[in-house]
Amino acid sequence: MATRTAVKFAPAPAAPVEGRKTPAVKVWAAVGAFWFAVTAYAWAHWIASGHVKSSPTGPTEVPTWHLVAARSWEVIMVVGGLTAVYFFLVRPWRRERRLTFDGMFLLGWLATWAIQDPLVNYTRQWFNYSSAFLDFGCPQCHIPGWQAPNGYRMAEPILFDFGAYALFLVGGCLLCNLVMRKAKQRWPQLGTFGLIMVAFGTMVAADVVMELTWLRFGLYTYSGSIPWLTLFHGHYYQYPIYEGIFWGANWSAMACLRYFRNDKGQSLAERGADELRLSPKRQAALRLVALCGIMNTIYFGMYIVPSQWFGTHAGNFPQDILDRSYLTNGMCGLGSDQACPGPRVPMPPGPDAAHATPDGRMIAPEGLPVQIRK
């Protein structure tokens, strides 16, 4: 009788278990939550510090033409900003009872203003708005680690910036997307990189036109700039060429964020939102926070970070600006105890550091450590 041999079969290898990927919307929502926390801290500190007051115009009399220009642009910006809010937020909500992408995009731009608009001055002052604008100081300048002296005096124009961000910056992105679509139709072979370059060129050109107009009105000034990289150097309306490059990069990146969306209408920051078990309202809130997160990060990386190097390597403020104290906001120069920044002016590492005065003296703070033997 034959003997039966038991055959043992090796167990089939277990199928690899794929790790669950965190949806992009959750990652960017966490980043957005961070930016909101920093914003809340800065604004709360601004209120608690007692700095909620208008920036000083200084001893220089504000010219009538300049006051008229500032008030006129405030009216334009309020009307334009409210119009943008109606078309992108109010009307879609009334029709569809939901927050559209462009509505969130507008809110995202306003969120970047709420914390980053004056951060080019974080390490050293080189940009100022006119004190002729309606302002209540600079809430964003209370961000942790702020270095430039007297930052709280910067004139952050509430009405002008509302319209600039809600109308011009959002509208600029829409215009850029239109140019990108036309370019794709004209040159079908254009890939992603080509379209990004089209966006960059469009926004650099738009920035040059927009800013040269506002600078001639004296609405703000790039007080400190690198002379050989500056158009109209020596005048209050001087324009650093690198401003157009870095702001153009930031602006075009925002336009590309809007343009390159998937078939569900989701931007890079919103991917995966539809896979989460959330009510429509909570899903919309998560998408909004995520969009604010990526827009703040783009703004910071594309514009604020490189601006620090150029600001700390800028030349002297032109006399054309030093003679107009309403363009220095009492942060430096006339009406302050701080000399305006320049290559031969020490850069104070904070508000209580030793510093030069406008009349050429050096001020040492109390309690300065003695560094020589007696």
Protein backbone atom coordinates (compact mmCIF):
# COMPACT_ATOMS: atom_id res chain seq x y z
CA MET A 1 0.00 0.00 0.00
CA ALA A 2 1.44 3.34 -1.09
CA THR A 3 2.27 5.84 1.55
CA ARG A 4 0.71 9.24 1.14
CA THR A 5 3.01 12.15 1.74
CA ALA A 6 1.39 15.26 3.14
CA VAL A 7 2.22 18.30 1.07
CA LYS A 8 2.51 21.57 2.95
CA PHE A 9 1.70 24.72 1.06
CA ALA A 10 3.43 27.94 2.08
CA PRO A 11 0.98 30.68 2.96
CA ALA A 12 0.50 33.25 0.24
CA PRO A 13 2.41 36.45 0.92
CA ALA A 14 0.25 39.09 2.48
CA ALA A 15 -0.65 41.94 0.18
CA PRO A 16 1.20 45.12 1.13
CA VAL A 17 -0.93 47.48 3.12
CA GLU A 18 -0.76 50.96 1.72
CA GLY A 19 -0.46 53.67 4.34
CA ARG A 20 -3.23 56.16 4.40
CA LYS A 21 -2.12 59.43 2.92
CA THR A 22 -3.13 62.57 4.69
CA PRO A 23 -5.28 64.63 2.30
CA ALA A 24 -3.59 67.83 1.13
CA VAL A 25 -6.52 69.84 2.47
CA LYS A 26 -5.70 68.73 6.03
CA VAL A 27 -2.04 69.65 5.70
CA TRP A 28 -2.76 73.11 4.32
CA ALA A 29 -5.56 73.64 6.84
CA ALA A 30 -3.00 73.06 9.61
CA VAL A 31 -0.73 75.63 7.96
CA GLY A 32 -3.69 78.00 7.70
CA ALA A 33 -4.48 77.53 11.38
CA PHE A 34 -0.89 78.53 12.18
CA TRP A 35 -1.21 81.74 10.14
CA PHE A 36 -4.53 82.57 11.79
CA ALA A 37 -2.95 82.06 15.23
CA VAL A 38 -0.08 84.44 14.38
CA THR A 39 -2.59 86.98 13.03
CA ALA A 40 -4.73 86.77 16.16
CA TYR A 41 -1.67 87.23 18.38
CA ALA A 42 -0.41 90.28 16.46
CA TRP A 43 -3.79 92.03 16.43
CA ALA A 44 -4.46 91.24 20.10
CA HIS A 45 -1.03 92.56 21.08
CA TRP A 46 -1.65 95.69 18.99
CA ILE A 47 -4.86 96.39 20.92
CA ALA A 48 -3.38 95.56 24.34
CA SER A 49 -0.28 97.71 23.76
CA GLY A 50 -2.32 100.90 23.30
CA HIS A 51 -0.94 101.50 19.82
CA VAL A 52 -4.34 101.77 18.16
CA LYS A 53 -3.83 105.30 16.92
CA SER A 54 -3.06 107.11 13.71
CA SER A 55 0.49 107.33 12.45
CA PRO A 56 2.01 110.82 12.89
CA THR A 57 2.46 112.99 9.81
CA GLY A 58 5.44 114.73 11.46
CA PRO A 59 6.46 118.37 11.15
CA THR A 60 6.12 118.52 7.36
CA GLU A 61 2.84 119.99 6.18
CA VAL A 62 0.92 117.57 3.97
CA PRO A 63 0.30 119.23 0.56
CA THR A 64 -3.32 119.77 -0.43
CA TRP A 65 -2.86 117.86 -3.69
CA HIS A 66 -1.58 114.88 -1.75
CA LEU A 67 -4.51 114.91 0.69
CA VAL A 68 -6.94 115.08 -2.24
CA ALA A 69 -5.15 112.14 -3.91
CA ALA A 70 -5.21 110.04 -0.74
CA ARG A 71 -8.92 110.67 -0.09
CA SER A 72 -9.82 110.07 -3.73
CA TRP A 73 -8.04 106.73 -3.80
CA GLU A 74 -9.69 105.74 -0.52
CA VAL A 75 -13.11 106.35 -2.07
CA ILE A 76 -12.12 104.39 -5.18
CA MET A 77 -10.86 101.50 -3.07
CA VAL A 78 -13.90 101.33 -0.80
CA VAL A 79 -16.32 101.36 -3.74
CA GLY A 80 -14.19 98.88 -5.69
CA GLY A 81 -13.61 96.62 -2.71
CA LEU A 82 -17.30 96.47 -1.80
CA THR A 83 -18.15 95.77 -5.44
CA ALA A 84 -15.71 92.84 -5.45
CA VAL A 85 -17.18 91.53 -2.19
CA TYR A 86 -20.66 91.68 -3.68
CA PHE A 87 -19.78 89.87 -6.92
CA PHE A 88 -17.51 87.23 -5.40
CA LEU A 89 -19.17 86.65 -2.01
CA VAL A 90 -22.64 88.10 -1.58
CA ARG A 91 -24.24 87.39 -4.97
CA PRO A 92 -23.02 83.77 -5.25
CA TRP A 93 -24.15 83.10 -1.68
CA ARG A 94 -27.61 84.50 -2.38
CA ARG A 95 -27.90 82.43 -5.56
CA GLU A 96 -26.28 79.16 -4.57
CA ARG A 97 -26.12 79.30 -0.77
CA ARG A 98 -22.47 78.33 -0.83
CA LEU A 99 -19.02 79.85 -0.79
CA THR A 100 -17.50 79.73 -4.29
CA PHE A 101 -13.80 79.35 -5.00
CA ASP A 102 -13.45 83.00 -6.02
CA GLY A 103 -15.18 84.02 -2.82
CA MET A 104 -12.64 82.02 -0.82
CA PHE A 105 -9.85 83.38 -3.01
CA LEU A 106 -10.86 86.95 -2.14
CA LEU A 107 -10.95 86.10 1.57
CA GLY A 108 -7.54 84.46 1.21
CA TRP A 109 -6.06 87.67 -0.20
CA LEU A 110 -7.55 89.65 2.71
CA ALA A 111 -6.08 87.09 5.11
CA THR A 112 -2.61 87.73 3.66
CA TRP A 113 -3.10 91.46 4.16
CA ALA A 114 -4.13 90.93 7.78
CA ILE A 115 -0.70 89.60 8.74
CA GLN A 116 1.87 90.16 5.98
CA ASP A 117 1.36 93.48 4.17
CA PRO A 118 4.03 95.47 6.11
CA LEU A 119 6.40 92.55 6.81
CA VAL A 120 8.89 93.81 4.21
CA ASN A 121 9.98 96.07 7.10
CA TYR A 122 10.38 93.16 9.54
CA THR A 123 14.17 93.48 9.87
CA ARG A 124 14.72 96.98 8.49
CA GLN A 125 12.41 99.78 7.36
CA TRP A 126 12.50 100.46 3.63
CA PHE A 127 8.82 100.89 2.72
CA ASN A 128 6.18 103.32 4.01
CA TYR A 129 2.61 104.28 3.25
CA SER A 130 1.65 107.93 3.46
CA SER A 131 0.37 109.11 6.83
CA ALA A 132 -2.26 111.11 4.93
CA PHE A 133 -4.29 107.91 4.69
CA LEU A 134 -6.82 106.91 7.33
CA ASP A 135 -4.94 104.47 9.53
CA PHE A 136 -4.80 103.17 13.10
CA GLY A 137 -1.15 102.25 13.25
CA CYS A 138 0.20 98.86 12.28
CA PRO A 139 -1.36 95.75 13.88
CA GLN A 140 0.79 93.42 11.74
CA CYS A 141 3.95 95.07 13.11
CA HIS A 142 3.25 93.38 16.45
CA ILE A 143 4.19 90.00 15.00
CA PRO A 144 6.70 88.19 17.27
CA GLY A 145 10.34 89.07 16.64
CA TRP A 146 9.73 92.37 14.81
CA GLN A 147 13.08 94.25 14.59
CA ALA A 148 12.66 97.60 12.80
CA PRO A 149 12.31 100.41 15.40
CA ASN A 150 8.97 102.19 15.81
CA GLY A 151 7.15 99.67 13.63
CA TYR A 152 3.91 100.37 15.47
CA ARG A 153 3.89 103.87 13.92
CA MET A 154 3.72 102.60 10.36
CA ALA A 155 0.62 103.92 8.59
CA GLU A 156 -1.25 100.77 7.54
CA PRO A 157 -4.12 102.21 5.44
CA ILE A 158 -7.31 100.30 6.23
CA LEU A 159 -9.49 101.67 3.41
CA PHE A 160 -6.86 101.75 0.68
CA ASP A 161 -5.56 98.25 1.35
CA PHE A 162 -9.06 96.78 1.55
CA GLY A 163 -9.74 97.79 -2.04
CA ALA A 164 -6.21 97.06 -3.23
CA TYR A 165 -6.41 93.47 -2.06
CA ALA A 166 -10.10 92.78 -2.73
CA LEU A 167 -10.25 94.47 -6.13
CA PHE A 168 -6.84 94.98 -7.72
CA LEU A 169 -5.06 91.84 -6.53
CA VAL A 170 -8.00 89.50 -7.06
CA GLY A 171 -8.88 91.23 -10.33
CA GLY A 172 -5.27 91.01 -11.46
CA CYS A 173 -5.32 87.24 -11.02
CA LEU A 174 -8.52 86.97 -13.07
CA LEU A 175 -6.95 89.06 -15.82
CA CYS A 176 -3.81 86.92 -15.70
CA ASN A 177 -5.88 83.74 -16.04
CA LEU A 178 -7.57 85.24 -19.09
CA VAL A 179 -4.16 85.91 -20.66
CA MET A 180 -3.10 82.34 -19.83
CA ARG A 181 -6.18 80.90 -21.55
CA LYS A 182 -5.62 83.07 -24.63
CA ALA A 183 -1.98 82.01 -24.74
CA LYS A 184 -2.97 78.34 -24.53
CA GLN A 185 -5.40 78.82 -27.40
CA ARG A 186 -2.79 80.61 -29.48
CA TRP A 187 0.00 78.13 -28.68
CA PRO A 188 -1.59 74.75 -27.81
CA GLN A 189 1.84 73.20 -27.29
CA LEU A 190 2.44 75.40 -24.22
CA GLY A 191 2.90 73.21 -21.17
CA THR A 192 2.63 74.02 -17.49
CA PHE A 193 6.02 75.73 -17.34
CA GLY A 194 5.21 77.86 -20.37
CA LEU A 195 1.92 79.00 -18.86
CA ILE A 196 3.67 79.85 -15.58
CA MET A 197 6.13 82.02 -17.51
CA VAL A 198 3.23 83.74 -19.29
CA ALA A 199 1.66 84.42 -15.88
CA PHE A 200 4.95 85.75 -14.47
CA GLY A 201 5.54 88.12 -17.39
CA THR A 202 1.95 89.36 -17.25
CA MET A 203 2.05 90.12 -13.55
CA VAL A 204 5.45 91.82 -13.63
CA ALA A 205 4.14 94.14 -16.35
CA ALA A 206 0.92 94.75 -14.42
CA ASP A 207 2.87 95.56 -11.25
CA VAL A 208 5.07 98.10 -13.01
CA VAL A 209 2.05 99.96 -14.40
CA MET A 210 0.04 99.78 -11.18
CA GLU A 211 2.82 100.76 -8.79
CA LEU A 212 4.33 103.55 -10.86
CA THR A 213 0.87 105.14 -10.91
CA TRP A 214 0.42 104.91 -7.16
CA LEU A 215 4.00 106.00 -6.44
CA ARG A 216 3.60 109.20 -8.45
CA PHE A 217 0.60 110.07 -6.27
CA GLY A 218 2.84 109.54 -3.24
CA LEU A 219 0.47 106.96 -1.76
CA TYR A 220 3.47 105.01 -0.53
CA THR A 221 7.20 104.97 -1.07
CA TYR A 222 10.07 102.52 -1.38
CA SER A 223 12.25 104.71 0.79
CA GLY A 224 15.27 102.45 0.94
CA SER A 225 16.37 100.76 -2.25
CA ILE A 226 19.54 99.64 -4.01
CA PRO A 227 20.35 102.68 -6.19
CA TRP A 228 21.56 100.93 -9.34
CA LEU A 229 18.50 98.65 -9.33
CA THR A 230 16.02 101.52 -8.98
CA LEU A 231 14.04 103.51 -11.52
CA PHE A 232 13.75 107.28 -10.80
CA HIS A 233 16.24 106.94 -7.97
CA GLY A 234 16.41 109.98 -5.69
CA HIS A 235 12.72 110.86 -6.03
CA TYR A 236 9.87 110.06 -3.66
CA TYR A 237 8.38 107.90 -6.41
CA GLN A 238 11.50 105.74 -6.93
CA TYR A 239 10.73 102.16 -7.91
CA PRO A 240 13.07 99.21 -7.22
CA ILE A 241 13.18 96.86 -10.20
CA TYR A 242 13.36 93.84 -7.89
CA GLU A 243 10.02 94.88 -6.37
CA GLY A 244 8.36 94.11 -9.70
CA ILE A 245 10.20 90.79 -9.96
CA PHE A 246 9.37 89.48 -6.50
CA TRP A 247 5.85 90.87 -6.32
CA GLY A 248 5.29 89.63 -9.86
CA ALA A 249 6.42 86.16 -8.74
CA ASN A 250 4.05 86.25 -5.78
CA TRP A 251 1.11 87.61 -7.79
CA SER A 252 1.60 85.14 -10.64
CA ALA A 253 1.90 82.22 -8.21
CA MET A 254 -1.49 83.20 -6.78
CA ALA A 255 -2.92 83.41 -10.30
CA CYS A 256 -1.53 79.94 -11.08
CA LEU A 257 -3.09 78.61 -7.88
CA ARG A 258 -6.45 79.71 -9.24
CA TYR A 259 -5.77 78.56 -12.81
CA PHE A 260 -4.40 75.05 -12.20
CA ARG A 261 -7.40 73.39 -10.54
CA ASN A 262 -8.58 69.80 -11.01
CA ASP A 263 -11.82 68.65 -12.63
CA LYS A 264 -13.57 69.16 -9.28
CA GLY A 265 -12.61 72.81 -9.20
CA GLN A 266 -10.14 72.24 -6.35
CA SER A 267 -6.86 74.08 -6.04
CA LEU A 268 -3.69 72.40 -4.81
CA ALA A 269 -4.60 73.20 -1.21
CA GLU A 270 -8.14 71.73 -1.37
CA ARG A 271 -7.37 68.25 -2.73
CA GLY A 272 -9.09 65.52 -0.77
CA ALA A 273 -11.76 67.70 0.83
CA ASP A 274 -14.55 65.79 -0.93
CA GLU A 275 -13.30 62.48 0.52
CA LEU A 276 -13.82 63.58 4.12
CA ARG A 277 -17.02 62.80 5.97
CA LEU A 278 -17.96 66.37 6.71
CA SER A 279 -21.07 68.44 6.24
CA PRO A 280 -20.94 70.87 3.29
CA LYS A 281 -20.47 73.83 5.63
CA ARG A 282 -17.57 72.22 7.52
CA GLN A 283 -15.98 71.10 4.28
CA ALA A 284 -16.19 74.66 2.94
CA ALA A 285 -14.66 75.99 6.17
CA LEU A 286 -11.79 73.48 5.93
CA ARG A 287 -11.15 74.41 2.30
CA LEU A 288 -11.13 78.12 3.18
CA VAL A 289 -8.58 77.66 5.98
CA ALA A 290 -6.44 75.49 3.69
CA LEU A 291 -6.58 78.08 0.91
CA CYS A 292 -5.58 80.83 3.35
CA GLY A 293 -2.73 78.61 4.49
CA ILE A 294 -1.21 78.10 1.04
CA MET A 295 -1.76 81.74 0.00
CA ASN A 296 0.00 83.04 3.11
CA THR A 297 2.85 80.62 2.50
CA ILE A 298 3.22 81.71 -1.13
CA TYR A 299 3.18 85.37 -0.09
CA PHE A 300 5.78 84.78 2.62
CA GLY A 301 8.13 82.66 0.53
CA MET A 302 7.87 84.52 -2.77
CA TYR A 303 7.87 88.10 -1.46
CA ILE A 304 8.55 88.64 2.24
CA VAL A 305 11.63 86.42 2.57
CA PRO A 306 13.62 87.85 -0.38
CA SER A 307 12.57 91.38 0.59
CA GLN A 308 14.54 91.07 3.83
CA TRP A 309 17.85 90.76 1.98
CA PHE A 310 17.16 93.70 -0.32
CA GLY A 311 15.88 95.81 2.58
CA THR A 312 19.01 95.25 4.66
CA HIS A 313 21.28 96.07 1.69
CA ALA A 314 19.47 99.24 0.60
CA GLY A 315 21.03 102.65 0.15
CA ASN A 316 20.22 105.87 2.01
CA PHE A 317 16.74 107.36 1.95
CA PRO A 318 16.64 110.12 -0.72
CA GLN A 319 16.39 113.67 0.56
CA ASP A 320 13.15 113.97 -1.44
CA ILE A 321 11.65 111.49 1.02
CA LEU A 322 13.43 112.67 4.17
CA ASP A 323 11.94 116.15 3.61
CA ARG A 324 8.41 114.65 3.64
CA SER A 325 7.84 113.38 7.18
CA TYR A 326 4.38 112.11 6.21
CA LEU A 327 6.22 109.49 4.12
CA THR A 328 8.35 108.20 7.02
CA ASN A 329 5.49 107.93 9.55
CA GLY A 330 7.60 108.97 12.56
CA MET A 331 9.41 105.64 12.30
CA CYS A 332 12.62 107.48 11.41
CA GLY A 333 13.81 110.92 10.32
CA LEU A 334 11.89 114.12 11.09
CA GLY A 335 9.67 113.79 14.15
CA SER A 336 11.47 110.74 15.55
CA ASP A 337 14.62 109.84 17.47
CA GLN A 338 15.80 107.33 14.85
CA ALA A 339 18.00 108.04 11.86
CA CYS A 340 16.55 106.53 8.71
CA PRO A 341 18.36 103.37 7.59
CA GLY A 342 21.34 103.44 5.26
CA PRO A 343 24.67 101.70 4.63
CA ARG A 344 26.47 103.77 7.33
CA VAL A 345 23.61 103.76 9.84
CA PRO A 346 23.72 100.98 12.47
CA MET A 347 20.77 98.60 12.20
CA PRO A 348 19.18 98.38 15.68
CA PRO A 349 18.20 94.79 16.57
CA GLY A 350 15.00 95.90 18.28
CA PRO A 351 13.29 98.96 19.74
CA ASP A 352 15.53 99.29 22.82
CA ALA A 353 18.90 98.98 21.09
CA ALA A 354 21.56 101.67 20.70
CA HIS A 355 20.85 103.77 17.62
CA ALA A 356 21.73 106.85 15.62
CA THR A 357 19.51 109.92 15.71
CA PRO A 358 18.51 112.11 12.73
CA ASP A 359 21.01 114.79 13.84
CA GLY A 360 23.93 112.35 13.88
CA ARG A 361 24.21 111.50 17.57
CA MET A 362 24.40 108.00 19.05
CA ILE A 363 21.99 107.00 21.81
CA ALA A 364 22.94 104.21 24.18
CA PRO A 365 20.10 102.60 26.16
CA GLU A 366 20.17 102.45 29.94
CA GLY A 367 21.79 99.36 31.34
CA LEU A 368 24.17 98.86 28.41
CA PRO A 369 26.81 96.35 29.64
CA VAL A 370 30.24 97.84 30.28
CA GLN A 371 32.72 96.08 27.99
CA ILE A 372 35.99 97.68 29.10
CA ARG A 373 37.97 97.40 32.31
CA LYS A 374 37.87 100.35 34.61
